Amino acid sequence: MSTKLARLSRRMSHYRDPLALLDFAAADPALPWIPYQFLSLAMLPEYASMSGAERIRLSRVDFARLCAAGVWLEGLLMSRVSARGFIGAPLAEACILLQEVREEAGHSLMFLRMIERAGLSGVPLLGPTRLLTWIAQRLAPHQAEFWAMVYIGESVTNNFVGRVLRSCTSEAAICPLAHQVMALHHQEEGRHLAAAHALLEARIAGLGALRRHAFAALVRVLLRRFLEATLYPTPASLRSLGIVRADALAQRVRQSPERAALAKACAAPALAFMMRAGLIGETEVQ
């Protein structure tokens, strides 16, 4: 077992069930679930006319979208890494992957509970994910491309949550329960990113120039779709707020320079790492 993987395995050895740790009684209906400046409609004129209750409802929609993104991404990860039953996998990697599956399953249950509490079960919260899912299902854990995509996906949403948490001068700035969920996941996601980093590094040497070029082209397409799916509202989610012209409003958010700048900032650390690793060029980072 490599030193890095052994260290990660020790850090992940003591499992904590999120549902047992969260204080669901701490939910405060008078507070937003995400700070107002991070809400998807905050840059639009319509936001200024929203009531306090409507803004809180919007914060729950945007929070639930993060939860839905987590359930989707973690479901893909769990299904792909366990598809072969870990037969033939090096012991160090099998331990890390099983520990990740255990934690990701707990996160997904936590996210589903929060979506339910937001009253948004069954509402399409994510943008189109069919192509992203199709590609993810055709990548395998022994490939560098798989762990590169895992790293990018986990990093983007984790960076968004990190920005949210750093903006809260106190837990009272947002609903304490929402703060607990984000803080817990942010902490554990740091370990998962470290694991993806280590597993990717172990596979990069096997990538030839042709595969690196193909991956760089893939990133340009998929990253745009991923950001749209996870950081932008869907018409259905806006209609849950009673917004009539939801399609037009969702389109305006996608065209917003402010939201695009936030999405780019959330993706920047992962892209910078991919560039240092030689997987993408400066064109994809800019």
C-alpha atoms as a PDB file:
ATOM      1  CA  MET A   1       0.000   0.000   0.000  1.00  0.00           C
ATOM      2  CA  SER A   2       1.446   3.393  -1.023  1.00  0.00           C
ATOM      3  CA  THR A   3       2.122   5.913   1.741  1.00  0.00           C
ATOM      4  CA  LYS A   4      -0.460   8.338   0.373  1.00  0.00           C
ATOM      5  CA  LEU A   5      -3.225   5.746   0.028  1.00  0.00           C
ATOM      6  CA  ALA A   6      -2.423   4.268   3.437  1.00  0.00           C
ATOM      7  CA  ARG A   7      -2.716   7.699   5.036  1.00  0.00           C
ATOM      8  CA  LEU A   8      -6.029   8.331   3.308  1.00  0.00           C
ATOM      9  CA  SER A   9      -7.336   4.918   4.320  1.00  0.00           C
ATOM     10  CA  ARG A  10      -6.564   5.625   7.981  1.00  0.00           C
ATOM     11  CA  ARG A  11      -8.346   8.995   7.780  1.00  0.00           C
ATOM     12  CA  MET A  12     -11.445   7.303   6.327  1.00  0.00           C
ATOM     13  CA  SER A  13     -11.435   4.262   8.606  1.00  0.00           C
ATOM     14  CA  HIS A  14     -13.777   5.696  11.247  1.00  0.00           C
ATOM     15  CA  TYR A  15     -17.154   6.005   9.564  1.00  0.00           C
ATOM     16  CA  ARG A  16     -19.673   8.582  10.762  1.00  0.00           C
ATOM     17  CA  ASP A  17     -23.306   8.211   9.700  1.00  0.00           C
ATOM     18  CA  PRO A  18     -24.445  11.695   8.580  1.00  0.00           C
ATOM     19  CA  LEU A  19     -28.072  11.046   9.485  1.00  0.00           C
ATOM     20  CA  ALA A  20     -27.046  10.234  13.043  1.00  0.00           C
ATOM     21  CA  LEU A  21     -24.872  13.341  13.315  1.00  0.00           C
ATOM     22  CA  LEU A  22     -27.266  15.950  11.965  1.00  0.00           C
ATOM     23  CA  ASP A  23     -29.503  17.886  14.315  1.00  0.00           C
ATOM     24  CA  PHE A  24     -32.721  18.027  12.297  1.00  0.00           C
ATOM     25  CA  ALA A  25     -34.406  19.949  15.114  1.00  0.00           C
ATOM     26  CA  ALA A  26     -32.005  22.832  14.395  1.00  0.00           C
ATOM     27  CA  ALA A  27     -33.802  23.703  11.155  1.00  0.00           C
ATOM     28  CA  ASP A  28     -34.910  27.333  11.228  1.00  0.00           C
ATOM     29  CA  PRO A  29     -37.704  28.143   8.726  1.00  0.00           C
ATOM     30  CA  ALA A  30     -36.933  31.877   8.985  1.00  0.00           C
ATOM     31  CA  LEU A  31     -33.391  31.551   7.582  1.00  0.00           C
ATOM     32  CA  PRO A  32     -32.170  30.830   4.027  1.00  0.00           C
ATOM     33  CA  TRP A  33     -30.406  27.588   3.228  1.00  0.00           C
ATOM     34  CA  ILE A  34     -27.815  29.368   1.070  1.00  0.00           C
ATOM     35  CA  PRO A  35     -26.646  32.983   1.526  1.00  0.00           C
ATOM     36  CA  TYR A  36     -28.630  35.346  -0.648  1.00  0.00           C
ATOM     37  CA  GLN A  37     -25.641  36.528  -2.689  1.00  0.00           C
ATOM     38  CA  PHE A  38     -25.114  32.981  -4.012  1.00  0.00           C
ATOM     39  CA  LEU A  39     -28.696  32.421  -5.166  1.00  0.00           C
ATOM     40  CA  SER A  40     -29.150  31.669  -8.851  1.00  0.00           C
ATOM     41  CA  LEU A  41     -31.491  34.626  -9.460  1.00  0.00           C
ATOM     42  CA  ALA A  42     -29.601  37.174  -7.345  1.00  0.00           C
ATOM     43  CA  MET A  43     -28.259  39.048 -10.366  1.00  0.00           C
ATOM     44  CA  LEU A  44     -31.653  39.518 -12.055  1.00  0.00           C
ATOM     45  CA  PRO A  45     -34.138  42.404 -11.583  1.00  0.00           C
ATOM     46  CA  GLU A  46     -36.892  39.932 -10.654  1.00  0.00           C
ATOM     47  CA  TYR A  47     -34.956  39.032  -7.505  1.00  0.00           C
ATOM     48  CA  ALA A  48     -35.288  42.567  -6.131  1.00  0.00           C
ATOM     49  CA  SER A  49     -39.084  42.264  -6.108  1.00  0.00           C
ATOM     50  CA  MET A  50     -39.152  38.896  -4.333  1.00  0.00           C
ATOM     51  CA  SER A  51     -40.399  38.776  -0.766  1.00  0.00           C
ATOM     52  CA  GLY A  52     -38.322  37.389   2.071  1.00  0.00           C
ATOM     53  CA  ALA A  53     -40.339  34.175   2.073  1.00  0.00           C
ATOM     54  CA  GLU A  54     -39.846  33.771  -1.686  1.00  0.00           C
ATOM     55  CA  ARG A  55     -36.098  34.252  -1.341  1.00  0.00           C
ATOM     56  CA  ILE A  56     -35.948  31.605   1.361  1.00  0.00           C
ATOM     57  CA  ARG A  57     -37.898  29.268  -0.890  1.00  0.00           C
ATOM     58  CA  LEU A  58     -35.441  29.992  -3.717  1.00  0.00           C
ATOM     59  CA  SER A  59     -32.542  29.215  -1.370  1.00  0.00           C
ATOM     60  CA  ARG A  60     -34.083  25.807  -0.698  1.00  0.00           C
ATOM     61  CA  VAL A  61     -34.412  25.143  -4.425  1.00  0.00           C
ATOM     62  CA  ASP A  62     -30.756  26.030  -5.024  1.00  0.00           C
ATOM     63  CA  PHE A  63     -29.662  23.991  -1.997  1.00  0.00           C
ATOM     64  CA  ALA A  64     -31.716  21.016  -3.183  1.00  0.00           C
ATOM     65  CA  ARG A  65     -30.018  21.284  -6.583  1.00  0.00           C
ATOM     66  CA  LEU A  66     -26.639  20.813  -4.876  1.00  0.00           C
ATOM     67  CA  CYS A  67     -28.078  17.791  -3.087  1.00  0.00           C
ATOM     68  CA  ALA A  68     -29.420  16.351  -6.340  1.00  0.00           C
ATOM     69  CA  ALA A  69     -26.015  16.864  -7.963  1.00  0.00           C
ATOM     70  CA  GLY A  70     -24.444  14.969  -5.072  1.00  0.00           C
ATOM     71  CA  VAL A  71     -26.873  12.056  -5.357  1.00  0.00           C
ATOM     72  CA  TRP A  72     -26.276  11.863  -9.118  1.00  0.00           C
ATOM     73  CA  LEU A  73     -22.469  12.115  -8.999  1.00  0.00           C
ATOM     74  CA  GLU A  74     -22.077   9.802  -6.043  1.00  0.00           C
ATOM     75  CA  GLY A  75     -24.439   7.255  -7.576  1.00  0.00           C
ATOM     76  CA  LEU A  76     -22.314   7.162 -10.730  1.00  0.00           C
ATOM     77  CA  LEU A  77     -19.133   6.796  -8.686  1.00  0.00           C
ATOM     78  CA  MET A  78     -20.527   3.992  -6.541  1.00  0.00           C
ATOM     79  CA  SER A  79     -21.880   2.076  -9.527  1.00  0.00           C
ATOM     80  CA  ARG A  80     -18.679   2.328 -11.573  1.00  0.00           C
ATOM     81  CA  VAL A  81     -16.140   1.481  -8.860  1.00  0.00           C
ATOM     82  CA  SER A  82     -18.163  -1.538  -7.695  1.00  0.00           C
ATOM     83  CA  ALA A  83     -19.142  -2.844 -11.144  1.00  0.00           C
ATOM     84  CA  ARG A  84     -16.428  -5.516 -11.201  1.00  0.00           C
ATOM     85  CA  GLY A  85     -16.785  -6.499  -7.568  1.00  0.00           C
ATOM     86  CA  PHE A  86     -13.223  -5.382  -6.728  1.00  0.00           C
ATOM     87  CA  ILE A  87     -11.828  -8.655  -8.061  1.00  0.00           C
ATOM     88  CA  GLY A  88      -8.188  -8.174  -8.916  1.00  0.00           C
ATOM     89  CA  ALA A  89      -8.050  -4.651  -7.516  1.00  0.00           C
ATOM     90  CA  PRO A  90      -4.935  -3.825  -5.463  1.00  0.00           C
ATOM     91  CA  LEU A  91      -5.693  -4.042  -1.758  1.00  0.00           C
ATOM     92  CA  ALA A  92      -4.892  -0.381  -1.110  1.00  0.00           C
ATOM     93  CA  GLU A  93      -7.245   0.797  -3.825  1.00  0.00           C
ATOM     94  CA  ALA A  94     -10.001  -1.646  -2.869  1.00  0.00           C
ATOM     95  CA  CYS A  95      -9.932  -0.344   0.712  1.00  0.00           C
ATOM     96  CA  ILE A  96     -10.101   3.281  -0.410  1.00  0.00           C
ATOM     97  CA  LEU A  97     -12.910   2.606  -2.867  1.00  0.00           C
ATOM     98  CA  LEU A  98     -15.016   0.664  -0.383  1.00  0.00           C
ATOM     99  CA  GLN A  99     -14.565   3.386   2.214  1.00  0.00           C
ATOM    100  CA  GLU A 100     -15.652   5.935  -0.384  1.00  0.00           C
ATOM    101  CA  VAL A 101     -18.728   3.892  -1.285  1.00  0.00           C
ATOM    102  CA  ARG A 102     -19.656   3.726   2.398  1.00  0.00           C
ATOM    103  CA  GLU A 103     -19.348   7.495   2.841  1.00  0.00           C
ATOM    104  CA  GLU A 104     -20.969   8.390  -0.482  1.00  0.00           C
ATOM    105  CA  ALA A 105     -23.990   6.229   0.332  1.00  0.00           C
ATOM    106  CA  GLY A 106     -24.378   8.109   3.622  1.00  0.00           C
ATOM    107  CA  HIS A 107     -24.067  11.445   1.834  1.00  0.00           C
ATOM    108  CA  SER A 108     -26.698  10.461  -0.708  1.00  0.00           C
ATOM    109  CA  LEU A 109     -29.159   9.469   2.011  1.00  0.00           C
ATOM    110  CA  MET A 110     -28.495  12.805   3.727  1.00  0.00           C
ATOM    111  CA  PHE A 111     -29.075  14.681   0.461  1.00  0.00           C
ATOM    112  CA  LEU A 112     -32.309  12.840  -0.261  1.00  0.00           C
ATOM    113  CA  ARG A 113     -33.583  13.704   3.216  1.00  0.00           C
ATOM    114  CA  MET A 114     -32.799  17.394   2.598  1.00  0.00           C
ATOM    115  CA  ILE A 115     -34.514  17.387  -0.803  1.00  0.00           C
ATOM    116  CA  GLU A 116     -37.557  15.905   0.908  1.00  0.00           C
ATOM    117  CA  ARG A 117     -37.455  18.569   3.655  1.00  0.00           C
ATOM    118  CA  ALA A 118     -37.300  21.245   0.964  1.00  0.00           C
ATOM    119  CA  GLY A 119     -40.541  19.855  -0.476  1.00  0.00           C
ATOM    120  CA  LEU A 120     -38.876  19.178  -3.825  1.00  0.00           C
ATOM    121  CA  SER A 121     -38.978  15.410  -4.150  1.00  0.00           C
ATOM    122  CA  GLY A 122     -39.750  14.558  -7.762  1.00  0.00           C
ATOM    123  CA  VAL A 123     -38.934  18.042  -9.099  1.00  0.00           C
ATOM    124  CA  PRO A 124     -36.282  17.961 -11.908  1.00  0.00           C
ATOM    125  CA  LEU A 125     -33.584  20.006 -10.200  1.00  0.00           C
ATOM    126  CA  LEU A 126     -30.654  19.261 -12.516  1.00  0.00           C
ATOM    127  CA  GLY A 127     -30.181  20.325 -16.099  1.00  0.00           C
ATOM    128  CA  PRO A 128     -29.627  17.719 -18.867  1.00  0.00           C
ATOM    129  CA  THR A 129     -27.350  14.953 -17.595  1.00  0.00           C
ATOM    130  CA  ARG A 130     -27.974  12.205 -20.172  1.00  0.00           C
ATOM    131  CA  LEU A 131     -24.747  12.737 -22.144  1.00  0.00           C
ATOM    132  CA  LEU A 132     -22.668  13.132 -18.994  1.00  0.00           C
ATOM    133  CA  THR A 133     -24.144   9.953 -17.526  1.00  0.00           C
ATOM    134  CA  TRP A 134     -23.648   8.042 -20.791  1.00  0.00           C
ATOM    135  CA  ILE A 135     -19.959   8.935 -20.898  1.00  0.00           C
ATOM    136  CA  ALA A 136     -19.407   8.246 -17.182  1.00  0.00           C
ATOM    137  CA  GLN A 137     -20.920   4.784 -17.587  1.00  0.00           C
ATOM    138  CA  ARG A 138     -18.358   3.995 -20.292  1.00  0.00           C
ATOM    139  CA  LEU A 139     -15.328   5.014 -18.277  1.00  0.00           C
ATOM    140  CA  ALA A 140     -13.731   2.508 -15.930  1.00  0.00           C
ATOM    141  CA  PRO A 141     -11.869   3.010 -12.625  1.00  0.00           C
ATOM    142  CA  HIS A 142      -8.637   1.668 -14.133  1.00  0.00           C
ATOM    143  CA  GLN A 143      -8.605   4.600 -16.571  1.00  0.00           C
ATOM    144  CA  ALA A 144      -7.066   7.992 -15.808  1.00  0.00           C
ATOM    145  CA  GLU A 145      -9.970   9.696 -17.581  1.00  0.00           C
ATOM    146  CA  PHE A 146     -12.421   8.267 -15.052  1.00  0.00           C
ATOM    147  CA  TRP A 147     -10.637   9.769 -12.060  1.00  0.00           C
ATOM    148  CA  ALA A 148     -10.039  13.038 -13.879  1.00  0.00           C
ATOM    149  CA  MET A 149     -13.788  13.397 -14.431  1.00  0.00           C
ATOM    150  CA  VAL A 150     -14.507  12.379 -10.816  1.00  0.00           C
ATOM    151  CA  TYR A 151     -12.041  14.994  -9.610  1.00  0.00           C
ATOM    152  CA  ILE A 152     -13.560  17.743 -11.751  1.00  0.00           C
ATOM    153  CA  GLY A 153     -17.150  16.895 -10.789  1.00  0.00           C
ATOM    154  CA  GLU A 154     -16.467  16.700  -7.058  1.00  0.00           C
ATOM    155  CA  SER A 155     -14.205  19.750  -7.085  1.00  0.00           C
ATOM    156  CA  VAL A 156     -16.699  22.099  -8.762  1.00  0.00           C
ATOM    157  CA  THR A 157     -19.546  21.527  -6.318  1.00  0.00           C
ATOM    158  CA  ASN A 158     -17.166  21.347  -3.352  1.00  0.00           C
ATOM    159  CA  ASN A 159     -15.643  24.700  -4.282  1.00  0.00           C
ATOM    160  CA  PHE A 160     -19.104  26.248  -4.491  1.00  0.00           C
ATOM    161  CA  VAL A 161     -19.942  24.933  -1.022  1.00  0.00           C
ATOM    162  CA  GLY A 162     -16.592  26.125   0.293  1.00  0.00           C
ATOM    163  CA  ARG A 163     -17.333  29.653  -0.938  1.00  0.00           C
ATOM    164  CA  VAL A 164     -20.738  29.525   0.722  1.00  0.00           C
ATOM    165  CA  LEU A 165     -19.310  28.377   4.054  1.00  0.00           C
ATOM    166  CA  ARG A 166     -16.541  30.975   4.032  1.00  0.00           C
ATOM    167  CA  SER A 167     -19.098  33.709   3.403  1.00  0.00           C
ATOM    168  CA  CYS A 168     -21.009  32.842   6.583  1.00  0.00           C
ATOM    169  CA  THR A 169     -19.602  34.938   9.390  1.00  0.00           C
ATOM    170  CA  SER A 170     -21.590  32.768  11.771  1.00  0.00           C
ATOM    171  CA  GLU A 171     -23.754  29.672  11.474  1.00  0.00           C
ATOM    172  CA  ALA A 172     -26.757  31.915  12.120  1.00  0.00           C
ATOM    173  CA  ALA A 173     -26.274  33.481   8.672  1.00  0.00           C
ATOM    174  CA  ILE A 174     -28.105  30.505   7.178  1.00  0.00           C
ATOM    175  CA  CYS A 175     -30.293  27.704   8.485  1.00  0.00           C
ATOM    176  CA  PRO A 176     -28.163  25.753  11.010  1.00  0.00           C
ATOM    177  CA  LEU A 177     -29.252  22.416   9.546  1.00  0.00           C
ATOM    178  CA  ALA A 178     -28.225  23.471   6.026  1.00  0.00           C
ATOM    179  CA  HIS A 179     -24.900  24.681   7.436  1.00  0.00           C
ATOM    180  CA  GLN A 180     -24.351  21.321   9.149  1.00  0.00           C
ATOM    181  CA  VAL A 181     -25.016  19.410   5.917  1.00  0.00           C
ATOM    182  CA  MET A 182     -22.646  21.530   3.868  1.00  0.00           C
ATOM    183  CA  ALA A 183     -19.895  21.590   6.502  1.00  0.00           C
ATOM    184  CA  LEU A 184     -20.007  17.822   7.013  1.00  0.00           C
ATOM    185  CA  HIS A 185     -19.955  17.066   3.299  1.00  0.00           C
ATOM    186  CA  HIS A 186     -17.277  19.682   2.588  1.00  0.00           C
ATOM    187  CA  GLN A 187     -14.970  18.140   5.168  1.00  0.00           C
ATOM    188  CA  GLU A 188     -15.395  14.582   3.925  1.00  0.00           C
ATOM    189  CA  GLU A 189     -15.317  15.603   0.275  1.00  0.00           C
ATOM    190  CA  GLY A 190     -11.814  16.927   0.856  1.00  0.00           C
ATOM    191  CA  ARG A 191     -10.693  13.356   1.553  1.00  0.00           C
ATOM    192  CA  HIS A 192     -12.493  12.077  -1.533  1.00  0.00           C
ATOM    193  CA  LEU A 193     -10.763  14.677  -3.691  1.00  0.00           C
ATOM    194  CA  ALA A 194      -7.424  13.609  -2.230  1.00  0.00           C
ATOM    195  CA  ALA A 195      -8.244   9.990  -3.072  1.00  0.00           C
ATOM    196  CA  ALA A 196      -9.254  10.890  -6.653  1.00  0.00           C
ATOM    197  CA  HIS A 197      -6.018  12.902  -6.936  1.00  0.00           C
ATOM    198  CA  ALA A 198      -3.916   9.935  -5.807  1.00  0.00           C
ATOM    199  CA  LEU A 199      -5.728   7.414  -8.007  1.00  0.00           C
ATOM    200  CA  LEU A 200      -5.431   9.725 -10.998  1.00  0.00           C
ATOM    201  CA  GLU A 201      -1.716  10.273 -10.442  1.00  0.00           C
ATOM    202  CA  ALA A 202      -1.178   6.510 -10.424  1.00  0.00           C
ATOM    203  CA  ARG A 203      -2.771   6.243 -13.884  1.00  0.00           C
ATOM    204  CA  ILE A 204      -1.503   9.321 -15.725  1.00  0.00           C
ATOM    205  CA  ALA A 205       1.679   7.601 -16.936  1.00  0.00           C
ATOM    206  CA  GLY A 206      -0.433   5.233 -19.026  1.00  0.00           C
ATOM    207  CA  LEU A 207      -1.956   8.064 -21.051  1.00  0.00           C
ATOM    208  CA  GLY A 208      -0.430   8.598 -24.478  1.00  0.00           C
ATOM    209  CA  ALA A 209      -0.464  11.855 -26.422  1.00  0.00           C
ATOM    210  CA  LEU A 210      -3.564  10.859 -28.414  1.00  0.00           C
ATOM    211  CA  ARG A 211      -5.629  10.069 -25.327  1.00  0.00           C
ATOM    212  CA  ARG A 212      -4.505  13.290 -23.644  1.00  0.00           C
ATOM    213  CA  HIS A 213      -5.613  15.285 -26.684  1.00  0.00           C
ATOM    214  CA  ALA A 214      -8.966  13.474 -26.763  1.00  0.00           C
ATOM    215  CA  PHE A 215      -9.477  14.099 -23.050  1.00  0.00           C
ATOM    216  CA  ALA A 216      -8.755  17.821 -23.415  1.00  0.00           C
ATOM    217  CA  ALA A 217     -11.381  18.053 -26.159  1.00  0.00           C
ATOM    218  CA  LEU A 218     -13.840  16.113 -23.995  1.00  0.00           C
ATOM    219  CA  VAL A 219     -13.325  18.448 -21.033  1.00  0.00           C
ATOM    220  CA  ARG A 220     -14.261  21.501 -23.094  1.00  0.00           C
ATOM    221  CA  VAL A 221     -17.640  19.987 -23.942  1.00  0.00           C
ATOM    222  CA  LEU A 222     -18.486  18.186 -20.725  1.00  0.00           C
ATOM    223  CA  LEU A 223     -17.471  20.893 -18.279  1.00  0.00           C
ATOM    224  CA  ARG A 224     -19.869  23.367 -19.855  1.00  0.00           C
ATOM    225  CA  ARG A 225     -22.694  20.841 -19.643  1.00  0.00           C
ATOM    226  CA  PHE A 226     -21.799  19.900 -16.084  1.00  0.00           C
ATOM    227  CA  LEU A 227     -21.826  23.507 -14.885  1.00  0.00           C
ATOM    228  CA  GLU A 228     -25.178  24.133 -16.573  1.00  0.00           C
ATOM    229  CA  ALA A 229     -26.640  20.997 -15.014  1.00  0.00           C
ATOM    230  CA  THR A 230     -25.515  21.699 -11.457  1.00  0.00           C
ATOM    231  CA  LEU A 231     -25.157  25.467 -10.915  1.00  0.00           C
ATOM    232  CA  TYR A 232     -28.068  26.799 -12.953  1.00  0.00           C
ATOM    233  CA  PRO A 233     -31.819  26.508 -12.246  1.00  0.00           C
ATOM    234  CA  THR A 234     -34.078  24.352 -14.361  1.00  0.00           C
ATOM    235  CA  PRO A 235     -37.446  25.668 -15.572  1.00  0.00           C
ATOM    236  CA  ALA A 236     -39.161  22.996 -13.467  1.00  0.00           C
ATOM    237  CA  SER A 237     -37.378  24.144 -10.308  1.00  0.00           C
ATOM    238  CA  LEU A 238     -38.391  27.755 -11.005  1.00  0.00           C
ATOM    239  CA  ARG A 239     -41.981  26.730 -11.656  1.00  0.00           C
ATOM    240  CA  SER A 240     -41.998  25.177  -8.175  1.00  0.00           C
ATOM    241  CA  LEU A 241     -41.658  28.780  -6.940  1.00  0.00           C
ATOM    242  CA  GLY A 242     -44.765  29.815  -8.842  1.00  0.00           C
ATOM    243  CA  ILE A 243     -42.784  31.599 -11.574  1.00  0.00           C
ATOM    244  CA  VAL A 244     -44.845  31.662 -14.767  1.00  0.00           C
ATOM    245  CA  ARG A 245     -42.216  32.399 -17.433  1.00  0.00           C
ATOM    246  CA  ALA A 246     -39.779  29.902 -15.975  1.00  0.00           C
ATOM    247  CA  ASP A 247     -38.195  28.851 -19.280  1.00  0.00           C
ATOM    248  CA  ALA A 248     -37.281  32.404 -20.223  1.00  0.00           C
ATOM    249  CA  LEU A 249     -35.976  33.158 -16.740  1.00  0.00           C
ATOM    250  CA  ALA A 250     -33.806  30.026 -16.678  1.00  0.00           C
ATOM    251  CA  GLN A 251     -32.357  31.052 -20.035  1.00  0.00           C
ATOM    252  CA  ARG A 252     -31.507  34.515 -18.715  1.00  0.00           C
ATOM    253  CA  VAL A 253     -29.639  33.004 -15.776  1.00  0.00           C
ATOM    254  CA  ARG A 254     -27.620  30.883 -18.224  1.00  0.00           C
ATOM    255  CA  GLN A 255     -26.723  34.083 -20.089  1.00  0.00           C
ATOM    256  CA  SER A 256     -25.750  35.974 -16.927  1.00  0.00           C
ATOM    257  CA  PRO A 257     -22.075  37.051 -16.852  1.00  0.00           C
ATOM    258  CA  GLU A 258     -22.180  37.109 -13.043  1.00  0.00           C
ATOM    259  CA  ARG A 259     -23.340  33.508 -12.760  1.00  0.00           C
ATOM    260  CA  ALA A 260     -20.864  32.451 -15.451  1.00  0.00           C
ATOM    261  CA  ALA A 261     -18.041  34.087 -13.493  1.00  0.00           C
ATOM    262  CA  LEU A 262     -19.042  32.186 -10.349  1.00  0.00           C
ATOM    263  CA  ALA A 263     -19.215  28.891 -12.270  1.00  0.00           C
ATOM    264  CA  LYS A 264     -15.804  29.544 -13.831  1.00  0.00           C
ATOM    265  CA  ALA A 265     -14.310  30.318 -10.422  1.00  0.00           C
ATOM    266  CA  CYS A 266     -15.689  27.060  -8.991  1.00  0.00           C
ATOM    267  CA  ALA A 267     -14.168  25.073 -11.869  1.00  0.00           C
ATOM    268  CA  ALA A 268     -10.792  26.870 -11.872  1.00  0.00           C
ATOM    269  CA  PRO A 269      -8.961  24.821  -9.170  1.00  0.00           C
ATOM    270  CA  ALA A 270      -9.759  21.491 -10.856  1.00  0.00           C
ATOM    271  CA  LEU A 271      -8.766  22.801 -14.284  1.00  0.00           C
ATOM    272  CA  ALA A 272      -5.525  24.205 -12.889  1.00  0.00           C
ATOM    273  CA  PHE A 273      -4.692  20.792 -11.443  1.00  0.00           C
ATOM    274  CA  MET A 274      -5.479  19.095 -14.769  1.00  0.00           C
ATOM    275  CA  MET A 275      -3.178  21.539 -16.556  1.00  0.00           C
ATOM    276  CA  ARG A 276      -0.328  20.901 -14.115  1.00  0.00           C
ATOM    277  CA  ALA A 277      -0.828  17.177 -14.684  1.00  0.00           C
ATOM    278  CA  GLY A 278      -0.529  17.702 -18.429  1.00  0.00           C
ATOM    279  CA  LEU A 279      -4.067  16.513 -19.170  1.00  0.00           C
ATOM    280  CA  ILE A 280      -5.322  19.814 -20.602  1.00  0.00           C
ATOM    281  CA  GLY A 281      -3.773  22.959 -22.015  1.00  0.00           C
ATOM    282  CA  GLU A 282      -4.162  26.619 -21.160  1.00  0.00           C
ATOM    283  CA  THR A 283      -7.055  26.917 -23.645  1.00  0.00           C
ATOM    284  CA  GLU A 284      -9.288  24.765 -21.446  1.00  0.00           C
ATOM    285  CA  VAL A 285      -8.369  26.719 -18.297  1.00  0.00           C
ATOM    286  CA  GLN A 286      -9.138  30.162 -19.729  1.00  0.00           C
END
